[in-house]
C-alpha atoms as a PDB file:
ATOM      1  CA  MET A   1      -0.949  -7.964   4.185  1.00  0.00           C
ATOM      2  CA  PHE A   2      -0.055  -4.343   4.557  1.00  0.00           C
ATOM      3  CA  LYS A   3      -2.771  -3.462   6.934  1.00  0.00           C
ATOM      4  CA  THR A   4      -0.177  -3.571   9.948  1.00  0.00           C
ATOM      5  CA  ALA A   5       1.979  -0.886   8.171  1.00  0.00           C
ATOM      6  CA  LEU A   6      -0.934   1.198   7.091  1.00  0.00           C
ATOM      7  CA  LYS A   7      -2.000   1.190  10.861  1.00  0.00           C
ATOM      8  CA  HIS A   8       2.166   2.813  11.377  1.00  0.00           C
ATOM      9  CA  TRP A   9       2.200   5.308   8.181  1.00  0.00           C
ATOM     10  CA  GLY A  10       3.534   8.627   9.310  1.00  0.00           C
ATOM     11  CA  LYS A  11       4.991   6.705  12.889  1.00  0.00           C
ATOM     12  CA  ASP A  12       7.694   4.929  13.864  1.00  0.00           C
ATOM     13  CA  GLY A  13       7.477   1.348  12.784  1.00  0.00           C
ATOM     14  CA  PHE A  14       6.008   1.735   9.232  1.00  0.00           C
ATOM     15  CA  THR A  15       9.307   0.598   7.529  1.00  0.00           C
ATOM     16  CA  GLN A  16       9.755  -2.299   9.589  1.00  0.00           C
ATOM     17  CA  HIS A  17       6.126  -3.519   9.025  1.00  0.00           C
ATOM     18  CA  PHE A  18       6.331  -2.644   5.351  1.00  0.00           C
ATOM     19  CA  ARG A  19       9.390  -4.382   5.034  1.00  0.00           C
ATOM     20  CA  THR A  20       7.813  -7.844   6.453  1.00  0.00           C
ATOM     21  CA  ALA A  21       5.143  -7.170   4.118  1.00  0.00           C
ATOM     22  CA  ILE A  22       7.248  -7.421   1.256  1.00  0.00           C
ATOM     23  CA  LYS A  23       8.657 -10.450   2.662  1.00  0.00           C
ATOM     24  CA  ALA A  24       5.329 -12.319   3.008  1.00  0.00           C
ATOM     25  CA  LEU A  25       4.349 -11.805  -0.498  1.00  0.00           C
ATOM     26  CA  ASP A  26       4.950 -14.195  -2.927  1.00  0.00           C
ATOM     27  CA  LEU A  27       7.282 -14.012  -5.813  1.00  0.00           C
ATOM     28  CA  ASP A  28       4.799 -13.487  -8.230  1.00  0.00           C
ATOM     29  CA  LEU A  29       3.343 -10.639  -6.938  1.00  0.00           C
ATOM     30  CA  LEU A  30       6.927  -8.903  -6.912  1.00  0.00           C
ATOM     31  CA  PRO A  31       8.173  -7.867 -10.352  1.00  0.00           C
ATOM     32  CA  LEU A  32      11.923  -8.703  -9.472  1.00  0.00           C
ATOM     33  CA  GLU A  33      12.186 -11.145 -12.837  1.00  0.00           C
ATOM     34  CA  LYS A  34      12.550  -8.212 -14.701  1.00  0.00           C
ATOM     35  CA  CYS A  35      15.573  -6.843 -12.687  1.00  0.00           C
ATOM     36  CA  CYS A  36      17.323 -10.221 -13.216  1.00  0.00           C
ATOM     37  CA  ASN A  37      20.772 -10.481 -15.123  1.00  0.00           C
ATOM     38  CA  HIS A  38      21.550 -13.786 -14.804  1.00  0.00           C
ATOM     39  CA  SER A  39      18.741 -16.068 -13.767  1.00  0.00           C
ATOM     40  CA  LYS A  40      14.958 -15.958 -13.106  1.00  0.00           C
ATOM     41  CA  THR A  41      15.641 -17.807 -10.061  1.00  0.00           C
ATOM     42  CA  ILE A  42      15.401 -15.532  -7.160  1.00  0.00           C
ATOM     43  CA  ASP A  43      16.315 -16.814  -3.360  1.00  0.00           C
ATOM     44  CA  LYS A  44      13.303 -15.300  -1.468  1.00  0.00           C
ATOM     45  CA  ASP A  45      15.087 -15.207   1.918  1.00  0.00           C
ATOM     46  CA  SER A  46      17.334 -13.036   0.333  1.00  0.00           C
ATOM     47  CA  ILE A  47      15.141 -10.098  -0.174  1.00  0.00           C
ATOM     48  CA  ASP A  48      15.580  -6.970   1.466  1.00  0.00           C
ATOM     49  CA  VAL A  49      14.203  -3.736   1.242  1.00  0.00           C
ATOM     50  CA  MET A  50      14.684  -0.214   1.719  1.00  0.00           C
ATOM     51  CA  ILE A  51      12.158   2.501   1.249  1.00  0.00           C
ATOM     52  CA  LEU A  52      14.099   5.530  -0.857  1.00  0.00           C
ATOM     53  CA  SER A  53      11.022   8.106  -0.887  1.00  0.00           C
ATOM     54  CA  SER A  54       7.631   8.148  -0.070  1.00  0.00           C
ATOM     55  CA  SER A  55       4.268  10.469   0.185  1.00  0.00           C
ATOM     56  CA  ALA A  56       0.523  10.106   0.345  1.00  0.00           C
ATOM     57  CA  ASN A  57      -2.545  11.748  -0.404  1.00  0.00           C
ATOM     58  CA  ASP A  58      -6.072  10.719   1.192  1.00  0.00           C
ATOM     59  CA  LYS A  59      -6.669   7.263  -1.052  1.00  0.00           C
ATOM     60  CA  THR A  60      -3.052   6.041  -1.507  1.00  0.00           C
ATOM     61  CA  ILE A  61       0.624   5.860  -0.382  1.00  0.00           C
ATOM     62  CA  HIS A  62       3.344   6.178  -2.994  1.00  0.00           C
ATOM     63  CA  LEU A  63       6.535   4.436  -2.515  1.00  0.00           C
ATOM     64  CA  LYS A  64       9.968   4.404  -4.251  1.00  0.00           C
ATOM     65  CA  ILE A  65      11.530   1.301  -2.974  1.00  0.00           C
ATOM     66  CA  GLY A  66      15.279  -0.512  -3.445  1.00  0.00           C
ATOM     67  CA  VAL A  67      14.953  -4.224  -3.507  1.00  0.00           C
ATOM     68  CA  PHE A  68      17.942  -6.117  -2.809  1.00  0.00           C
ATOM     69  CA  PHE A  69      17.975  -9.839  -3.686  1.00  0.00           C
ATOM     70  CA  CYS A  70      19.939 -13.053  -4.826  1.00  0.00           C
ATOM     71  CA  GLU A  71      19.427 -14.630  -8.148  1.00  0.00           C
ATOM     72  CA  VAL A  72      20.503 -18.566  -7.904  1.00  0.00           C
ATOM     73  CA  LEU A  73      22.403 -19.956 -10.319  1.00  0.00           C
ATOM     74  CA  THR A  74      22.468 -23.711 -10.629  1.00  0.00           C
ATOM     75  CA  GLY A  75      24.973 -26.326 -12.559  1.00  0.00           C
ATOM     76  CA  CYS A  76      27.628 -23.688 -12.065  1.00  0.00           C
ATOM     77  CA  ALA A  77      31.434 -24.665 -10.886  1.00  0.00           C
ATOM     78  CA  CYS A  78      33.107 -22.139 -12.261  1.00  0.00           C
ATOM     79  CA  SER A  79      35.445 -21.790  -9.169  1.00  0.00           C
ATOM     80  CA  ASP A  80      36.769 -25.131 -10.036  1.00  0.00           C
ATOM     81  CA  ASP A  81      34.961 -26.420  -6.635  1.00  0.00           C
ATOM     82  CA  ALA A  82      32.586 -29.416  -7.749  1.00  0.00           C
ATOM     83  CA  SER A  83      30.681 -28.762  -4.595  1.00  0.00           C
ATOM     84  CA  ALA A  84      29.919 -25.353  -5.671  1.00  0.00           C
ATOM     85  CA  THR A  85      27.092 -26.365  -7.493  1.00  0.00           C
ATOM     86  CA  GLU A  86      24.346 -23.247  -6.403  1.00  0.00           C
ATOM     87  CA  ILE A  87      25.997 -19.977  -6.690  1.00  0.00           C
ATOM     88  CA  ARG A  88      24.370 -16.590  -5.656  1.00  0.00           C
ATOM     89  CA  GLU A  89      24.516 -13.543  -7.268  1.00  0.00           C
ATOM     90  CA  ASN A  90      23.667 -10.051  -5.771  1.00  0.00           C
ATOM     91  CA  SER A  91      20.912  -8.190  -7.447  1.00  0.00           C
ATOM     92  CA  TYR A  92      19.217  -4.705  -6.932  1.00  0.00           C
ATOM     93  CA  CYS A  93      15.711  -3.404  -8.358  1.00  0.00           C
ATOM     94  CA  GLU A  94      13.909  -0.161  -7.739  1.00  0.00           C
ATOM     95  CA  LEU A  95      10.214  -0.332  -7.688  1.00  0.00           C
ATOM     96  CA  LEU A  96       7.249   2.256  -7.399  1.00  0.00           C
ATOM     97  CA  ALA A  97       4.729   0.699  -5.407  1.00  0.00           C
ATOM     98  CA  GLN A  98       1.052   2.214  -4.380  1.00  0.00           C
ATOM     99  CA  ILE A  99      -0.673   1.228  -1.155  1.00  0.00           C
ATOM    100  CA  ASP A 100      -4.306   1.739  -1.400  1.00  0.00           C
ATOM    101  CA  ARG A 101      -5.012   3.221   2.067  1.00  0.00           C
ATOM    102  CA  THR A 102      -8.662   1.846   1.937  1.00  0.00           C
ATOM    103  CA  SER A 103      -8.148  -2.026   0.846  1.00  0.00           C
ATOM    104  CA  ALA A 104      -4.227  -2.316   2.113  1.00  0.00           C
ATOM    105  CA  GLN A 105      -3.475  -3.647  -1.276  1.00  0.00           C
ATOM    106  CA  ILE A 106      -0.180  -2.949  -3.100  1.00  0.00           C
ATOM    107  CA  GLU A 107       0.333  -2.263  -6.754  1.00  0.00           C
ATOM    108  CA  PHE A 108       4.088  -2.028  -8.448  1.00  0.00           C
ATOM    109  CA  THR A 109       3.915   0.183 -11.467  1.00  0.00           C
ATOM    110  CA  TYR A 110       7.512   0.717 -12.358  1.00  0.00           C
ATOM    111  CA  VAL A 111      10.364  -0.958 -12.541  1.00  0.00           C
ATOM    112  CA  SER A 112      14.108   0.048 -13.423  1.00  0.00           C
ATOM    113  CA  TYR A 113      17.325  -1.650 -12.310  1.00  0.00           C
ATOM    114  CA  ALA A 114      20.975  -1.229 -12.269  1.00  0.00           C
ATOM    115  CA  SER A 115      22.803  -3.565 -14.789  1.00  0.00           C
END
């Protein structure tokens, strides 16, 4: 998934191709559940990524990324609106990611979040 992003490393377009690849990942591969404060249900369509810092060596690209996403809270009509049975809560998580420059595989090695 990250082959196209790797082709653009150090050039315009890396960020956009990286963001596209992250959004295409299965939710199981993104360790966002550890960052959830309210629910373990994540709205995949709400995921947005910002690269906070980056570096590389011959083998690996190292990235610190911020991930914005929404947790889905179901069965709650807290606003006294019975039709509001699904509420989204904004969440944020910071991940350290490593992309292998040969295989284009990504690995998340660290998770932190703002509560």
